[in-house]
Amino acid sequence: MVPQFFRDAGYPVFTIKDEYGRRNVEDEEWLHDAGTRGWVVVAKDSRIRRRPKELSAVVKARARVVCVVPGDMGKAEEVACLRDNLSAIQSWWEKPGPWILAVRRDGVEELSLASDPAAE
């Protein structure tokens, strides 16, 4: 549902399955690849910034990441959250990375790239 939402909004969409098929790919690999290709990542896992290898991939590849939180939303709820916040998300779309946004029901917030959760 989320990929189709962005396709319907006119964005090119590439999923992990599209790019890597069925092979198991580590998060830091696809985050790095998406960042170096200039793609905006849409994910459900804002803990990316707390995992050193994933955070390093985001920073090194200057990735731009949009995280729908909380990650336990259903698909329809995720789409509604993204739709309700699309203009705020779009205002970030062209900004150079690295950055990670949290998209919540009540708005959008830039998350710290500090690897120490206590620094947040």
C-alpha atoms as a PDB file:
ATOM      1  CA  MET A   1       0.000   0.000   0.000  1.00  0.00           C
ATOM      2  CA  VAL A   2       2.760   2.476   0.870  1.00  0.00           C
ATOM      3  CA  PRO A   3       4.658   2.022  -2.417  1.00  0.00           C
ATOM      4  CA  GLN A   4       1.409   2.472  -4.351  1.00  0.00           C
ATOM      5  CA  PHE A   5       0.592   5.617  -2.383  1.00  0.00           C
ATOM      6  CA  PHE A   6       3.859   7.210  -3.525  1.00  0.00           C
ATOM      7  CA  ARG A   7       3.423   5.932  -7.090  1.00  0.00           C
ATOM      8  CA  ASP A   8      -0.060   7.485  -7.169  1.00  0.00           C
ATOM      9  CA  ALA A   9       1.490  10.743  -5.907  1.00  0.00           C
ATOM     10  CA  GLY A  10       3.836  10.688  -8.922  1.00  0.00           C
ATOM     11  CA  TYR A  11       7.051   9.462  -7.321  1.00  0.00           C
ATOM     12  CA  PRO A  12       9.259   6.719  -8.749  1.00  0.00           C
ATOM     13  CA  VAL A  13       9.325   3.848  -6.284  1.00  0.00           C
ATOM     14  CA  PHE A  14      11.881   1.077  -5.859  1.00  0.00           C
ATOM     15  CA  THR A  15      11.318  -1.592  -3.227  1.00  0.00           C
ATOM     16  CA  ILE A  16      13.954  -3.832  -1.706  1.00  0.00           C
ATOM     17  CA  LYS A  17      12.337  -6.748  -3.528  1.00  0.00           C
ATOM     18  CA  ASP A  18      12.529  -4.839  -6.836  1.00  0.00           C
ATOM     19  CA  GLU A  19      16.228  -4.142  -6.369  1.00  0.00           C
ATOM     20  CA  TYR A  20      17.517  -7.280  -4.656  1.00  0.00           C
ATOM     21  CA  GLY A  21      14.943  -9.942  -5.457  1.00  0.00           C
ATOM     22  CA  ARG A  22      14.516 -12.534  -2.765  1.00  0.00           C
ATOM     23  CA  ARG A  23      18.088 -12.472  -1.491  1.00  0.00           C
ATOM     24  CA  ASN A  24      18.630 -11.436   2.079  1.00  0.00           C
ATOM     25  CA  VAL A  25      20.202  -7.991   2.121  1.00  0.00           C
ATOM     26  CA  GLU A  26      21.559  -6.314   5.226  1.00  0.00           C
ATOM     27  CA  ASP A  27      19.963  -3.009   6.207  1.00  0.00           C
ATOM     28  CA  GLU A  28      23.257  -1.143   5.966  1.00  0.00           C
ATOM     29  CA  GLU A  29      23.682  -2.335   2.362  1.00  0.00           C
ATOM     30  CA  TRP A  30      20.332  -1.151   1.054  1.00  0.00           C
ATOM     31  CA  LEU A  31      20.503   2.072   3.092  1.00  0.00           C
ATOM     32  CA  HIS A  32      23.906   2.826   1.569  1.00  0.00           C
ATOM     33  CA  ASP A  33      22.728   1.958  -1.947  1.00  0.00           C
ATOM     34  CA  ALA A  34      19.588   4.096  -1.655  1.00  0.00           C
ATOM     35  CA  GLY A  35      21.595   7.028  -0.316  1.00  0.00           C
ATOM     36  CA  THR A  36      24.216   6.890  -3.053  1.00  0.00           C
ATOM     37  CA  ARG A  37      21.474   6.651  -5.685  1.00  0.00           C
ATOM     38  CA  GLY A  38      19.766   9.736  -4.272  1.00  0.00           C
ATOM     39  CA  TRP A  39      16.599   7.914  -3.306  1.00  0.00           C
ATOM     40  CA  VAL A  40      14.479   8.828  -0.296  1.00  0.00           C
ATOM     41  CA  VAL A  41      13.969   5.791   1.918  1.00  0.00           C
ATOM     42  CA  VAL A  42      10.567   5.152   3.506  1.00  0.00           C
ATOM     43  CA  ALA A  43      10.757   2.712   6.410  1.00  0.00           C
ATOM     44  CA  LYS A  44       8.956   1.719   9.584  1.00  0.00           C
ATOM     45  CA  ASP A  45      12.055   1.391  11.735  1.00  0.00           C
ATOM     46  CA  SER A  46      13.293   4.616  13.307  1.00  0.00           C
ATOM     47  CA  ARG A  47      15.804   2.542  15.311  1.00  0.00           C
ATOM     48  CA  ILE A  48      18.073   2.832  12.258  1.00  0.00           C
ATOM     49  CA  ARG A  49      19.694   5.777  14.022  1.00  0.00           C
ATOM     50  CA  ARG A  50      20.498   3.667  17.073  1.00  0.00           C
ATOM     51  CA  ARG A  51      22.225   0.849  15.208  1.00  0.00           C
ATOM     52  CA  PRO A  52      25.847   1.814  14.507  1.00  0.00           C
ATOM     53  CA  LYS A  53      26.209   0.037  11.141  1.00  0.00           C
ATOM     54  CA  GLU A  54      22.904   1.364   9.825  1.00  0.00           C
ATOM     55  CA  LEU A  55      23.529   4.881  11.107  1.00  0.00           C
ATOM     56  CA  SER A  56      26.997   4.818   9.548  1.00  0.00           C
ATOM     57  CA  ALA A  57      25.489   3.790   6.193  1.00  0.00           C
ATOM     58  CA  VAL A  58      22.970   6.652   6.388  1.00  0.00           C
ATOM     59  CA  VAL A  59      25.643   9.207   7.234  1.00  0.00           C
ATOM     60  CA  LYS A  60      28.288   7.999   4.754  1.00  0.00           C
ATOM     61  CA  ALA A  61      25.820   7.732   1.853  1.00  0.00           C
ATOM     62  CA  ARG A  62      24.086  10.977   2.871  1.00  0.00           C
ATOM     63  CA  ALA A  63      20.799   9.067   2.872  1.00  0.00           C
ATOM     64  CA  ARG A  64      17.430  10.683   3.347  1.00  0.00           C
ATOM     65  CA  VAL A  65      15.107   8.522   5.450  1.00  0.00           C
ATOM     66  CA  VAL A  66      11.419   8.874   6.275  1.00  0.00           C
ATOM     67  CA  CYS A  67      10.260   6.633   9.143  1.00  0.00           C
ATOM     68  CA  VAL A  68       6.605   6.042   9.900  1.00  0.00           C
ATOM     69  CA  VAL A  69       6.242   5.749  13.671  1.00  0.00           C
ATOM     70  CA  PRO A  70       5.098   3.957  15.626  1.00  0.00           C
ATOM     71  CA  GLY A  71       6.173   1.005  13.525  1.00  0.00           C
ATOM     72  CA  ASP A  72       3.230  -1.134  14.551  1.00  0.00           C
ATOM     73  CA  MET A  73       0.668   0.792  12.473  1.00  0.00           C
ATOM     74  CA  GLY A  74      -1.376  -1.191  10.004  1.00  0.00           C
ATOM     75  CA  LYS A  75      -0.859  -0.558   6.273  1.00  0.00           C
ATOM     76  CA  ALA A  76      -3.970   1.607   5.878  1.00  0.00           C
ATOM     77  CA  GLU A  77      -3.006   3.654   8.937  1.00  0.00           C
ATOM     78  CA  GLU A  78       0.543   4.136   7.568  1.00  0.00           C
ATOM     79  CA  VAL A  79      -0.840   5.428   4.274  1.00  0.00           C
ATOM     80  CA  ALA A  80      -3.217   7.789   6.099  1.00  0.00           C
ATOM     81  CA  CYS A  81      -0.331   9.081   8.235  1.00  0.00           C
ATOM     82  CA  LEU A  82       1.838   9.664   5.155  1.00  0.00           C
ATOM     83  CA  ARG A  83      -1.031  11.289   3.248  1.00  0.00           C
ATOM     84  CA  ASP A  84      -1.862  13.610   6.158  1.00  0.00           C
ATOM     85  CA  ASN A  85       1.790  14.684   6.418  1.00  0.00           C
ATOM     86  CA  LEU A  86       2.773  14.619   2.746  1.00  0.00           C
ATOM     87  CA  SER A  87       3.305  18.367   2.376  1.00  0.00           C
ATOM     88  CA  ALA A  88       5.632  18.406   5.410  1.00  0.00           C
ATOM     89  CA  ILE A  89       7.506  15.384   4.037  1.00  0.00           C
ATOM     90  CA  GLN A  90       7.784  17.003   0.608  1.00  0.00           C
ATOM     91  CA  SER A  91       9.344  20.092   2.168  1.00  0.00           C
ATOM     92  CA  TRP A  92      12.312  17.844   3.078  1.00  0.00           C
ATOM     93  CA  TRP A  93      12.442  15.872  -0.170  1.00  0.00           C
ATOM     94  CA  GLU A  94      15.074  18.003  -1.912  1.00  0.00           C
ATOM     95  CA  LYS A  95      17.192  18.785   1.152  1.00  0.00           C
ATOM     96  CA  PRO A  96      20.579  17.063   1.052  1.00  0.00           C
ATOM     97  CA  GLY A  97      21.119  14.230   3.490  1.00  0.00           C
ATOM     98  CA  PRO A  98      21.855  12.778   5.766  1.00  0.00           C
ATOM     99  CA  TRP A  99      18.601  13.117   7.643  1.00  0.00           C
ATOM    100  CA  ILE A 100      15.964  10.923   9.239  1.00  0.00           C
ATOM    101  CA  LEU A 101      12.395  12.106   9.715  1.00  0.00           C
ATOM    102  CA  ALA A 102       9.823  10.609  12.038  1.00  0.00           C
ATOM    103  CA  VAL A 103       6.349  10.829  10.539  1.00  0.00           C
ATOM    104  CA  ARG A 104       3.698  10.513  13.231  1.00  0.00           C
ATOM    105  CA  ARG A 105      -0.037  10.921  13.210  1.00  0.00           C
ATOM    106  CA  ASP A 106       0.409  14.462  14.553  1.00  0.00           C
ATOM    107  CA  GLY A 107       3.285  15.668  12.394  1.00  0.00           C
ATOM    108  CA  VAL A 108       6.848  15.336  11.171  1.00  0.00           C
ATOM    109  CA  GLU A 109      10.030  15.692  13.217  1.00  0.00           C
ATOM    110  CA  GLU A 110      13.702  15.460  12.295  1.00  0.00           C
ATOM    111  CA  LEU A 111      15.430  12.827  14.393  1.00  0.00           C
ATOM    112  CA  SER A 112      18.904  13.183  15.802  1.00  0.00           C
ATOM    113  CA  LEU A 113      21.671  11.314  14.039  1.00  0.00           C
ATOM    114  CA  ALA A 114      23.522  10.956  17.327  1.00  0.00           C
ATOM    115  CA  SER A 115      24.512   7.345  17.840  1.00  0.00           C
ATOM    116  CA  ASP A 116      24.092   7.703  21.590  1.00  0.00           C
ATOM    117  CA  PRO A 117      20.368   7.483  22.477  1.00  0.00           C
ATOM    118  CA  ALA A 118      21.112   9.525  25.614  1.00  0.00           C
ATOM    119  CA  ALA A 119      22.166  12.401  23.330  1.00  0.00           C
ATOM    120  CA  GLU A 120      18.617  12.684  22.022  1.00  0.00           C
END
